[in-house]
């Protein structure tokens, strides 16, 4: 009986890292899919991403609210096309809002100093620790020029559902765990 308990505990301890590993494989695949969709959506955005110091990709951010709302998503920071750290984004809000939505977010750090500040923070909040310009796409996937003058530019796409109130203000980005 004692051996069975020890075996069960050992099996459980082995499964916890495996569950995290499987979760990362799925998240990595979704991140790759989001990047491919982004590149197909806007060639100008793809070129900007290639020139950026870092790219924070959230393949699915869910948002719901009716007066009181919240959002959550998991993603990763890529530098030179490689994942260097996993992050989550979360926010809560009170005010005029209604609906449910999922979307994809890609945030480009166009200046290395801003990227370094983001990475050194213990939870970086949009609008407090740095402003994030939301890029709007014109005909042919061209980016509005006002966004290009900012050190951090966000692209929001792949919206599913309906939600009034599109903003990243107050969104907090935190490391999930150190990448191994």
N, C-alpha and C. Protein backbone atom coordinates (compact mmCIF):
# COMPACT_ATOMS: atom_id res chain seq x y z
N UNK A 1 0.82 -1.19 0.00
CA UNK A 1 0.00 0.00 0.00
C UNK A 1 0.88 1.27 0.00
N UNK A 2 1.94 1.23 0.81
CA UNK A 2 2.85 2.37 0.90
C UNK A 2 3.51 2.63 -0.44
N UNK A 3 3.91 1.55 -1.14
CA UNK A 3 4.52 1.70 -2.47
C UNK A 3 3.53 2.29 -3.47
N UNK A 4 2.28 1.90 -3.38
CA UNK A 4 1.25 2.41 -4.28
C UNK A 4 1.07 3.92 -4.07
N UNK A 5 1.07 4.36 -2.83
CA UNK A 5 0.94 5.78 -2.53
C UNK A 5 2.15 6.55 -3.06
N UNK A 6 3.35 6.03 -2.81
CA UNK A 6 4.56 6.69 -3.31
C UNK A 6 4.58 6.73 -4.83
N UNK A 7 4.17 5.64 -5.46
CA UNK A 7 4.11 5.59 -6.93
C UNK A 7 3.11 6.62 -7.45
N UNK A 8 1.95 6.73 -6.79
CA UNK A 8 0.92 7.69 -7.21
C UNK A 8 1.42 9.13 -7.08
N UNK A 9 2.12 9.42 -5.97
CA UNK A 9 2.66 10.76 -5.77
C UNK A 9 3.72 11.06 -6.83
N UNK A 10 4.60 10.10 -7.10
CA UNK A 10 5.64 10.29 -8.12
C UNK A 10 5.01 10.51 -9.49
N UNK A 11 3.99 9.76 -9.81
CA UNK A 11 3.30 9.91 -11.10
C UNK A 11 2.66 11.28 -11.21
N UNK A 12 2.04 11.74 -10.12
CA UNK A 12 1.43 13.06 -10.11
C UNK A 12 2.47 14.16 -10.32
N UNK A 13 3.61 14.04 -9.64
CA UNK A 13 4.67 15.05 -9.78
C UNK A 13 5.25 15.07 -11.18
N UNK A 14 5.31 13.94 -11.84
CA UNK A 14 5.80 13.87 -13.22
C UNK A 14 4.80 14.53 -14.16
N UNK A 15 3.50 14.36 -13.91
CA UNK A 15 2.47 14.88 -14.81
C UNK A 15 2.37 16.39 -14.79
N UNK A 16 2.69 17.03 -13.67
CA UNK A 16 2.58 18.50 -13.59
C UNK A 16 3.48 19.17 -14.62
N UNK A 17 4.78 18.84 -14.71
CA UNK A 17 5.61 19.46 -15.76
C UNK A 17 5.16 19.06 -17.16
N UNK A 18 4.66 17.83 -17.32
CA UNK A 18 4.19 17.40 -18.64
C UNK A 18 2.98 18.22 -19.06
N UNK A 19 2.08 18.52 -18.11
CA UNK A 19 0.92 19.34 -18.44
C UNK A 19 1.36 20.72 -18.88
N UNK A 20 2.34 21.31 -18.18
CA UNK A 20 2.86 22.62 -18.58
C UNK A 20 3.55 22.54 -19.94
N UNK A 21 4.28 21.47 -20.19
CA UNK A 21 4.96 21.30 -21.48
C UNK A 21 3.94 21.19 -22.61
N UNK A 22 2.89 20.42 -22.38
CA UNK A 22 1.85 20.28 -23.41
C UNK A 22 1.14 21.60 -23.64
N UNK A 23 0.90 22.35 -22.57
CA UNK A 23 0.25 23.65 -22.68
C UNK A 23 1.11 24.61 -23.50
N UNK A 24 2.43 24.57 -23.28
CA UNK A 24 3.34 25.44 -24.04
C UNK A 24 3.37 25.06 -25.52
N UNK A 25 3.30 23.77 -25.82
CA UNK A 25 3.29 23.33 -27.22
C UNK A 25 2.06 23.90 -27.92
N UNK A 26 0.91 23.82 -27.26
CA UNK A 26 -0.33 24.36 -27.83
C UNK A 26 -0.23 25.87 -27.98
N UNK A 27 0.26 26.54 -26.94
CA UNK A 27 0.40 27.99 -27.00
C UNK A 27 1.37 28.40 -28.10
N UNK A 28 2.49 27.71 -28.22
CA UNK A 28 3.47 28.01 -29.28
C UNK A 28 2.83 27.88 -30.66
N UNK A 29 2.03 26.85 -30.86
CA UNK A 29 1.36 26.64 -32.16
C UNK A 29 0.38 27.78 -32.43
N UNK A 30 -0.34 28.20 -31.42
CA UNK A 30 -1.29 29.32 -31.60
C UNK A 30 -0.57 30.63 -31.88
N UNK A 31 0.58 30.82 -31.25
CA UNK A 31 1.38 32.02 -31.49
C UNK A 31 1.84 32.03 -32.94
N UNK A 32 2.34 30.93 -33.42
CA UNK A 32 2.79 30.81 -34.82
C UNK A 32 1.64 31.11 -35.78
N UNK A 33 0.47 30.58 -35.48
CA UNK A 33 -0.72 30.81 -36.30
C UNK A 33 -1.11 32.30 -36.31
N UNK A 34 -1.04 32.94 -35.16
CA UNK A 34 -1.36 34.37 -35.07
C UNK A 34 -0.38 35.21 -35.89
N UNK A 35 0.90 34.86 -35.83
CA UNK A 35 1.91 35.59 -36.61
C UNK A 35 1.65 35.41 -38.10
N UNK A 36 1.34 34.19 -38.53
CA UNK A 36 1.04 33.94 -39.94
C UNK A 36 -0.17 34.75 -40.40
N UNK A 37 -1.22 34.81 -39.57
CA UNK A 37 -2.41 35.59 -39.93
C UNK A 37 -2.07 37.08 -40.01
N UNK A 38 -1.28 37.55 -39.08
CA UNK A 38 -0.85 38.96 -39.06
C UNK A 38 -0.08 39.30 -40.32
N UNK A 39 0.88 38.45 -40.69
CA UNK A 39 1.69 38.70 -41.88
C UNK A 39 0.86 38.68 -43.16
N UNK A 40 -0.17 37.83 -43.19
CA UNK A 40 -1.05 37.79 -44.36
C UNK A 40 -1.96 39.02 -44.40
N UNK A 41 -2.28 39.56 -43.24
CA UNK A 41 -3.18 40.70 -43.14
C UNK A 41 -2.52 42.00 -43.58
N UNK A 42 -1.24 42.18 -43.22
CA UNK A 42 -0.58 43.45 -43.51
C UNK A 42 0.91 43.26 -43.78
N UNK A 43 1.30 43.52 -45.01
CA UNK A 43 2.73 43.42 -45.33
C UNK A 43 3.51 44.55 -44.64
N UNK A 44 2.87 45.71 -44.45
CA UNK A 44 3.53 46.81 -43.75
C UNK A 44 3.78 46.44 -42.28
N UNK A 45 2.83 45.76 -41.67
CA UNK A 45 3.00 45.29 -40.29
C UNK A 45 4.11 44.25 -40.18
N UNK A 46 4.18 43.38 -41.17
CA UNK A 46 5.24 42.36 -41.20
C UNK A 46 6.61 43.03 -41.27
N UNK A 47 6.74 44.04 -42.13
CA UNK A 47 8.02 44.76 -42.25
C UNK A 47 8.37 45.47 -40.95
N UNK A 48 7.37 46.07 -40.31
CA UNK A 48 7.59 46.75 -39.04
C UNK A 48 8.01 45.74 -37.96
N UNK A 49 7.39 44.57 -37.96
CA UNK A 49 7.75 43.52 -36.99
C UNK A 49 9.19 43.07 -37.19
N UNK A 50 9.63 42.97 -38.43
CA UNK A 50 11.01 42.56 -38.72
C UNK A 50 12.01 43.59 -38.20
N UNK A 51 11.62 44.86 -38.16
CA UNK A 51 12.51 45.92 -37.70
C UNK A 51 12.41 46.16 -36.20
N UNK A 52 11.42 45.57 -35.54
CA UNK A 52 11.19 45.85 -34.12
C UNK A 52 12.22 45.17 -33.23
N UNK A 53 12.38 45.70 -32.02
CA UNK A 53 13.29 45.11 -31.03
C UNK A 53 12.68 43.86 -30.42
N UNK A 54 11.35 43.81 -30.37
CA UNK A 54 10.67 42.65 -29.81
C UNK A 54 9.20 42.66 -30.18
N UNK A 55 8.59 41.48 -30.14
CA UNK A 55 7.19 41.34 -30.52
C UNK A 55 6.49 40.49 -29.46
N UNK A 56 5.46 41.05 -28.84
CA UNK A 56 4.67 40.36 -27.84
C UNK A 56 3.39 39.88 -28.52
N UNK A 57 3.19 38.56 -28.54
CA UNK A 57 2.08 37.97 -29.30
C UNK A 57 1.11 37.27 -28.36
N UNK A 58 -0.16 37.68 -28.43
CA UNK A 58 -1.24 37.02 -27.70
C UNK A 58 -2.21 36.46 -28.73
N UNK A 59 -2.18 35.14 -28.95
CA UNK A 59 -3.04 34.56 -29.98
C UNK A 59 -4.53 34.57 -29.65
N UNK A 60 -4.87 34.70 -28.37
CA UNK A 60 -6.28 34.75 -27.99
C UNK A 60 -6.42 35.49 -26.67
N UNK A 61 -7.11 36.64 -26.73
CA UNK A 61 -7.43 37.41 -25.54
C UNK A 61 -8.95 37.46 -25.46
N UNK A 62 -9.48 36.95 -24.38
CA UNK A 62 -10.93 36.95 -24.19
C UNK A 62 -11.34 38.13 -23.34
N UNK A 63 -12.44 38.76 -23.72
CA UNK A 63 -12.92 39.93 -23.00
C UNK A 63 -14.44 39.81 -22.87
N UNK A 64 -14.95 40.09 -21.67
CA UNK A 64 -16.39 40.05 -21.44
C UNK A 64 -16.74 41.15 -20.46
N UNK A 65 -17.92 41.70 -20.64
CA UNK A 65 -18.33 42.72 -19.71
C UNK A 65 -19.73 43.22 -19.95
N UNK A 66 -20.34 43.65 -18.89
CA UNK A 66 -21.61 44.36 -18.94
C UNK A 66 -21.58 45.29 -17.74
N UNK A 67 -21.06 46.49 -17.94
CA UNK A 67 -20.84 47.42 -16.84
C UNK A 67 -19.51 47.14 -16.16
N UNK A 68 -19.34 45.93 -15.66
CA UNK A 68 -18.07 45.47 -15.09
C UNK A 68 -17.50 44.45 -16.07
N UNK A 69 -16.23 44.59 -16.40
CA UNK A 69 -15.66 43.68 -17.40
C UNK A 69 -14.25 43.26 -17.05
N UNK A 70 -13.78 42.30 -17.79
CA UNK A 70 -12.41 41.84 -17.62
C UNK A 70 -11.93 41.15 -18.87
N UNK A 71 -10.60 41.02 -18.96
CA UNK A 71 -10.02 40.30 -20.09
C UNK A 71 -8.79 39.55 -19.62
N UNK A 72 -8.47 38.47 -20.38
CA UNK A 72 -7.30 37.66 -20.04
C UNK A 72 -6.81 36.95 -21.30
N UNK A 73 -5.50 36.83 -21.40
CA UNK A 73 -4.90 36.07 -22.50
C UNK A 73 -3.48 35.69 -22.15
N UNK A 74 -2.97 34.67 -22.82
CA UNK A 74 -1.58 34.23 -22.63
C UNK A 74 -0.86 34.28 -23.96
N UNK A 75 0.42 34.63 -23.90
CA UNK A 75 1.22 34.73 -25.12
C UNK A 75 2.69 34.69 -24.79
N UNK A 76 3.49 35.23 -25.71
CA UNK A 76 4.93 35.18 -25.52
C UNK A 76 5.60 36.39 -26.17
N UNK A 77 6.77 36.70 -25.63
CA UNK A 77 7.63 37.73 -26.19
C UNK A 77 8.63 37.05 -27.10
N UNK A 78 8.71 37.53 -28.34
CA UNK A 78 9.68 37.01 -29.29
C UNK A 78 10.71 38.09 -29.59
N UNK A 79 11.97 37.68 -29.60
CA UNK A 79 13.07 38.55 -30.01
C UNK A 79 13.84 37.78 -31.07
N UNK A 80 14.05 38.43 -32.20
CA UNK A 80 14.70 37.79 -33.34
C UNK A 80 13.99 36.50 -33.73
N UNK A 81 12.65 36.50 -33.64
CA UNK A 81 11.85 35.36 -34.07
C UNK A 81 11.81 34.19 -33.11
N UNK A 82 12.41 34.32 -31.94
CA UNK A 82 12.45 33.23 -30.97
C UNK A 82 11.75 33.63 -29.68
N UNK A 83 10.99 32.70 -29.10
CA UNK A 83 10.31 32.96 -27.83
C UNK A 83 11.35 33.05 -26.72
N UNK A 84 11.32 34.17 -25.98
CA UNK A 84 12.26 34.36 -24.87
C UNK A 84 11.55 34.34 -23.52
N UNK A 85 10.22 34.56 -23.51
CA UNK A 85 9.49 34.59 -22.24
C UNK A 85 7.99 34.50 -22.52
N UNK A 86 7.28 33.80 -21.64
CA UNK A 86 5.82 33.72 -21.73
C UNK A 86 5.21 34.78 -20.81
N UNK A 87 4.11 35.37 -21.28
CA UNK A 87 3.42 36.43 -20.55
C UNK A 87 1.92 36.19 -20.54
N UNK A 88 1.25 36.86 -19.61
CA UNK A 88 -0.20 36.94 -19.68
C UNK A 88 -0.58 38.41 -19.68
N UNK A 89 -1.78 38.69 -20.13
CA UNK A 89 -2.33 40.03 -20.06
C UNK A 89 -3.68 39.93 -19.37
N UNK A 90 -3.94 40.87 -18.50
CA UNK A 90 -5.19 40.88 -17.76
C UNK A 90 -5.59 42.31 -17.47
N UNK A 91 -6.88 42.54 -17.41
CA UNK A 91 -7.36 43.85 -17.00
C UNK A 91 -8.80 43.71 -16.53
N UNK A 92 -9.19 44.66 -15.74
CA UNK A 92 -10.57 44.76 -15.29
C UNK A 92 -11.02 46.18 -15.48
N UNK A 93 -12.31 46.37 -15.65
CA UNK A 93 -12.79 47.73 -15.87
C UNK A 93 -14.24 47.86 -15.41
N UNK A 94 -14.58 49.08 -15.10
CA UNK A 94 -15.95 49.43 -14.73
C UNK A 94 -16.34 50.61 -15.61
N UNK A 95 -17.52 50.56 -16.18
CA UNK A 95 -17.97 51.66 -17.03
C UNK A 95 -18.83 51.16 -18.15
N UNK A 96 -19.06 52.01 -19.13
CA UNK A 96 -19.93 51.67 -20.24
C UNK A 96 -19.25 50.66 -21.15
N UNK A 97 -19.69 49.42 -21.07
CA UNK A 97 -19.19 48.34 -21.90
C UNK A 97 -20.21 47.23 -21.90
N UNK A 98 -20.28 46.53 -23.00
CA UNK A 98 -21.22 45.41 -23.09
C UNK A 98 -20.74 44.46 -24.18
N UNK A 99 -20.77 43.16 -23.88
CA UNK A 99 -20.48 42.17 -24.90
C UNK A 99 -19.44 41.16 -24.48
N UNK A 100 -19.16 40.28 -25.42
CA UNK A 100 -18.16 39.23 -25.26
C UNK A 100 -17.35 39.19 -26.54
N UNK A 101 -16.02 39.02 -26.42
CA UNK A 101 -15.18 39.05 -27.61
C UNK A 101 -13.89 38.27 -27.36
N UNK A 102 -13.37 37.68 -28.42
CA UNK A 102 -11.98 37.20 -28.40
C UNK A 102 -11.27 37.88 -29.55
N UNK A 103 -9.99 38.07 -29.38
CA UNK A 103 -9.21 38.75 -30.42
C UNK A 103 -7.75 38.33 -30.28
N UNK A 104 -6.96 38.69 -31.28
CA UNK A 104 -5.52 38.47 -31.26
C UNK A 104 -4.85 39.83 -31.09
N UNK A 105 -3.73 39.84 -30.37
CA UNK A 105 -2.97 41.08 -30.18
C UNK A 105 -1.51 40.82 -30.47
N UNK A 106 -0.93 41.73 -31.22
CA UNK A 106 0.52 41.73 -31.41
C UNK A 106 1.00 43.13 -31.05
N UNK A 107 1.95 43.17 -30.12
CA UNK A 107 2.49 44.44 -29.66
C UNK A 107 3.96 44.49 -30.05
N UNK A 108 4.31 45.52 -30.81
CA UNK A 108 5.69 45.67 -31.28
C UNK A 108 6.41 46.74 -30.46
N UNK A 109 7.58 46.38 -29.97
CA UNK A 109 8.45 47.32 -29.28
C UNK A 109 9.45 47.83 -30.31
N UNK A 110 9.30 49.08 -30.71
CA UNK A 110 10.12 49.63 -31.78
C UNK A 110 11.44 50.21 -31.28
N UNK A 111 11.55 50.42 -29.97
CA UNK A 111 12.79 50.93 -29.39
C UNK A 111 13.32 49.94 -28.36
N UNK A 112 14.60 49.63 -28.44
CA UNK A 112 15.23 48.66 -27.54
C UNK A 112 15.12 49.09 -26.08
N UNK A 113 15.24 50.39 -25.80
CA UNK A 113 15.17 50.87 -24.41
C UNK A 113 13.80 50.60 -23.81
N UNK A 114 12.74 50.75 -24.58
CA UNK A 114 11.39 50.49 -24.09
C UNK A 114 11.20 48.98 -23.88
N UNK A 115 11.73 48.17 -24.78
CA UNK A 115 11.68 46.72 -24.61
C UNK A 115 12.42 46.31 -23.34
N UNK A 116 13.59 46.87 -23.10
CA UNK A 116 14.36 46.55 -21.90
C UNK A 116 13.60 46.94 -20.63
N UNK A 117 12.94 48.08 -20.67
CA UNK A 117 12.13 48.53 -19.53
C UNK A 117 10.97 47.56 -19.29
N UNK A 118 10.34 47.12 -20.37
CA UNK A 118 9.24 46.15 -20.28
C UNK A 118 9.72 44.85 -19.64
N UNK A 119 10.84 44.34 -20.13
CA UNK A 119 11.37 43.06 -19.64
C UNK A 119 11.83 43.15 -18.18
N UNK A 120 12.29 44.31 -17.75
CA UNK A 120 12.79 44.48 -16.38
C UNK A 120 11.66 44.70 -15.38
N UNK A 121 10.46 45.01 -15.88
CA UNK A 121 9.35 45.33 -14.98
C UNK A 121 8.78 44.08 -14.33
N UNK A 122 8.13 44.31 -13.22
CA UNK A 122 7.42 43.24 -12.54
C UNK A 122 5.93 43.47 -12.75
N UNK A 123 5.51 43.36 -13.99
CA UNK A 123 4.14 43.68 -14.36
C UNK A 123 4.09 45.06 -14.99
N UNK A 124 3.99 45.13 -16.29
CA UNK A 124 4.02 46.37 -17.07
C UNK A 124 2.59 46.73 -17.42
N UNK A 125 2.18 47.95 -17.13
CA UNK A 125 0.80 48.35 -17.38
C UNK A 125 0.73 49.39 -18.49
N UNK A 126 -0.07 49.07 -19.51
CA UNK A 126 -0.25 49.98 -20.64
C UNK A 126 -0.95 51.25 -20.15
N UNK A 127 -0.40 52.39 -20.55
CA UNK A 127 -0.96 53.66 -20.16
C UNK A 127 -0.34 54.22 -18.89
N UNK A 128 0.34 53.36 -18.11
CA UNK A 128 1.00 53.80 -16.88
C UNK A 128 2.51 53.71 -17.08
N UNK A 129 2.99 52.51 -17.38
CA UNK A 129 4.43 52.28 -17.58
C UNK A 129 4.88 52.65 -18.99
N UNK A 130 3.96 52.79 -19.89
CA UNK A 130 4.27 53.17 -21.26
C UNK A 130 2.98 53.25 -22.06
N UNK A 131 2.95 54.13 -23.03
CA UNK A 131 1.74 54.22 -23.84
C UNK A 131 1.87 53.29 -25.03
N UNK A 132 0.73 52.78 -25.46
CA UNK A 132 0.67 51.85 -26.58
C UNK A 132 -0.25 52.45 -27.62
N UNK A 133 0.28 52.69 -28.81
CA UNK A 133 -0.54 53.20 -29.91
C UNK A 133 -1.18 52.02 -30.62
N UNK A 134 -2.49 52.08 -30.81
CA UNK A 134 -3.18 51.02 -31.53
C UNK A 134 -3.19 51.40 -33.00
N UNK A 135 -2.55 50.57 -33.81
CA UNK A 135 -2.45 50.84 -35.24
C UNK A 135 -3.78 50.54 -35.93
N UNK A 136 -4.14 51.42 -36.83
CA UNK A 136 -5.30 51.15 -37.67
C UNK A 136 -4.79 50.90 -39.08
N UNK A 137 -5.40 49.93 -39.71
CA UNK A 137 -4.97 49.54 -41.04
C UNK A 137 -5.87 50.18 -42.09
N UNK A 138 -5.25 50.72 -43.10
CA UNK A 138 -5.99 51.30 -44.21
C UNK A 138 -6.12 50.29 -45.34
N UNK A 139 -6.49 50.80 -46.49
CA UNK A 139 -6.64 49.95 -47.67
C UNK A 139 -5.31 49.29 -48.01
N UNK A 140 -5.34 48.04 -48.33
CA UNK A 140 -4.13 47.33 -48.72
C UNK A 140 -3.23 46.98 -47.54
N UNK A 141 -3.76 47.11 -46.31
CA UNK A 141 -2.98 46.74 -45.14
C UNK A 141 -1.94 47.76 -44.73
N UNK A 142 -2.07 49.00 -45.22
CA UNK A 142 -1.12 50.05 -44.83
C UNK A 142 -1.44 50.54 -43.43
N UNK A 143 -0.41 50.93 -42.69
CA UNK A 143 -0.55 51.38 -41.31
C UNK A 143 -0.64 52.90 -41.27
N UNK A 144 -1.51 53.42 -40.38
CA UNK A 144 -1.59 54.88 -40.25
C UNK A 144 -0.25 55.42 -39.73
N UNK A 145 0.16 56.56 -40.24
CA UNK A 145 1.49 57.09 -39.94
C UNK A 145 1.61 57.60 -38.51
N UNK A 146 0.51 57.97 -37.84
CA UNK A 146 0.58 58.44 -36.45
C UNK A 146 1.10 57.33 -35.54
N UNK A 147 0.71 56.09 -35.81
CA UNK A 147 1.15 54.96 -34.97
C UNK A 147 2.65 54.74 -35.07
N UNK A 148 3.22 55.00 -36.23
CA UNK A 148 4.63 54.72 -36.46
C UNK A 148 5.56 55.64 -35.69
N UNK A 149 5.02 56.75 -35.16
CA UNK A 149 5.84 57.69 -34.38
C UNK A 149 5.92 57.30 -32.91
N UNK A 150 5.30 56.19 -32.52
CA UNK A 150 5.27 55.75 -31.13
C UNK A 150 6.27 54.61 -30.91
N UNK A 151 6.82 54.48 -29.69
CA UNK A 151 7.79 53.41 -29.43
C UNK A 151 7.16 52.03 -29.26
N UNK A 152 5.84 51.99 -28.96
CA UNK A 152 5.12 50.72 -28.81
C UNK A 152 3.85 50.81 -29.64
N UNK A 153 3.68 49.84 -30.55
CA UNK A 153 2.52 49.84 -31.44
C UNK A 153 1.82 48.49 -31.32
N UNK A 154 0.51 48.53 -31.16
CA UNK A 154 -0.28 47.30 -31.04
C UNK A 154 -1.17 47.11 -32.26
N UNK A 155 -1.32 45.86 -32.64
CA UNK A 155 -2.23 45.47 -33.70
C UNK A 155 -3.25 44.53 -33.07
N UNK A 156 -4.52 44.83 -33.27
CA UNK A 156 -5.60 43.99 -32.76
C UNK A 156 -6.38 43.51 -33.96
N UNK A 157 -6.52 42.18 -34.07
CA UNK A 157 -7.17 41.61 -35.24
C UNK A 157 -7.80 40.28 -34.88
N UNK A 158 -8.50 39.69 -35.83
CA UNK A 158 -9.13 38.39 -35.62
C UNK A 158 -10.27 38.45 -34.63
N UNK A 159 -10.95 39.60 -34.55
CA UNK A 159 -12.03 39.75 -33.57
C UNK A 159 -13.16 38.78 -33.86
N UNK A 160 -13.62 38.14 -32.78
CA UNK A 160 -14.80 37.28 -32.85
C UNK A 160 -15.70 37.69 -31.71
N UNK A 161 -16.96 37.91 -32.03
CA UNK A 161 -17.89 38.37 -31.01
C UNK A 161 -18.09 39.86 -31.17
N UNK A 162 -18.78 40.45 -30.22
CA UNK A 162 -19.09 41.87 -30.30
C UNK A 162 -18.81 42.50 -28.95
N UNK A 163 -18.01 43.55 -28.97
CA UNK A 163 -17.66 44.23 -27.73
C UNK A 163 -17.49 45.70 -28.02
N UNK A 164 -18.17 46.52 -27.26
CA UNK A 164 -17.96 47.95 -27.36
C UNK A 164 -16.87 48.30 -26.35
N UNK A 165 -15.91 49.13 -26.71
CA UNK A 165 -14.81 49.58 -25.85
C UNK A 165 -13.54 48.83 -26.23
N UNK A 166 -12.82 49.33 -27.20
CA UNK A 166 -11.56 48.74 -27.65
C UNK A 166 -10.40 49.61 -27.17
N UNK A 167 -9.63 49.08 -26.24
CA UNK A 167 -8.50 49.81 -25.67
C UNK A 167 -7.56 48.84 -24.98
N UNK A 168 -6.29 49.23 -24.89
CA UNK A 168 -5.33 48.45 -24.10
C UNK A 168 -5.00 49.18 -22.80
N UNK A 169 -5.53 50.39 -22.61
CA UNK A 169 -5.26 51.16 -21.40
C UNK A 169 -5.64 50.33 -20.18
N UNK A 170 -4.73 50.25 -19.23
CA UNK A 170 -4.99 49.50 -18.01
C UNK A 170 -4.68 48.02 -18.10
N UNK A 171 -4.34 47.53 -19.29
CA UNK A 171 -3.96 46.12 -19.42
C UNK A 171 -2.60 45.92 -18.78
N UNK A 172 -2.50 44.89 -17.98
CA UNK A 172 -1.24 44.59 -17.30
C UNK A 172 -0.64 43.34 -17.92
N UNK A 173 0.65 43.41 -18.21
CA UNK A 173 1.39 42.30 -18.82
C UNK A 173 2.38 41.77 -17.80
N UNK A 174 2.29 40.49 -17.48
CA UNK A 174 3.13 39.89 -16.46
C UNK A 174 3.75 38.59 -16.96
N UNK A 175 4.95 38.31 -16.50
CA UNK A 175 5.60 37.04 -16.85
C UNK A 175 4.83 35.89 -16.22
N UNK A 176 4.64 34.83 -17.00
CA UNK A 176 3.96 33.65 -16.47
C UNK A 176 4.95 32.84 -15.63
N UNK A 177 6.10 32.55 -16.21
CA UNK A 177 7.20 31.86 -15.51
C UNK A 177 8.43 32.03 -16.36
N UNK A 178 9.56 31.86 -15.78
CA UNK A 178 10.79 31.97 -16.53
C UNK A 178 10.87 30.87 -17.57
N UNK A 179 11.22 31.21 -18.81
CA UNK A 179 11.38 30.22 -19.87
C UNK A 179 12.66 29.44 -19.62
N UNK A 180 12.56 28.14 -19.81
CA UNK A 180 13.73 27.28 -19.59
C UNK A 180 14.39 26.91 -20.88
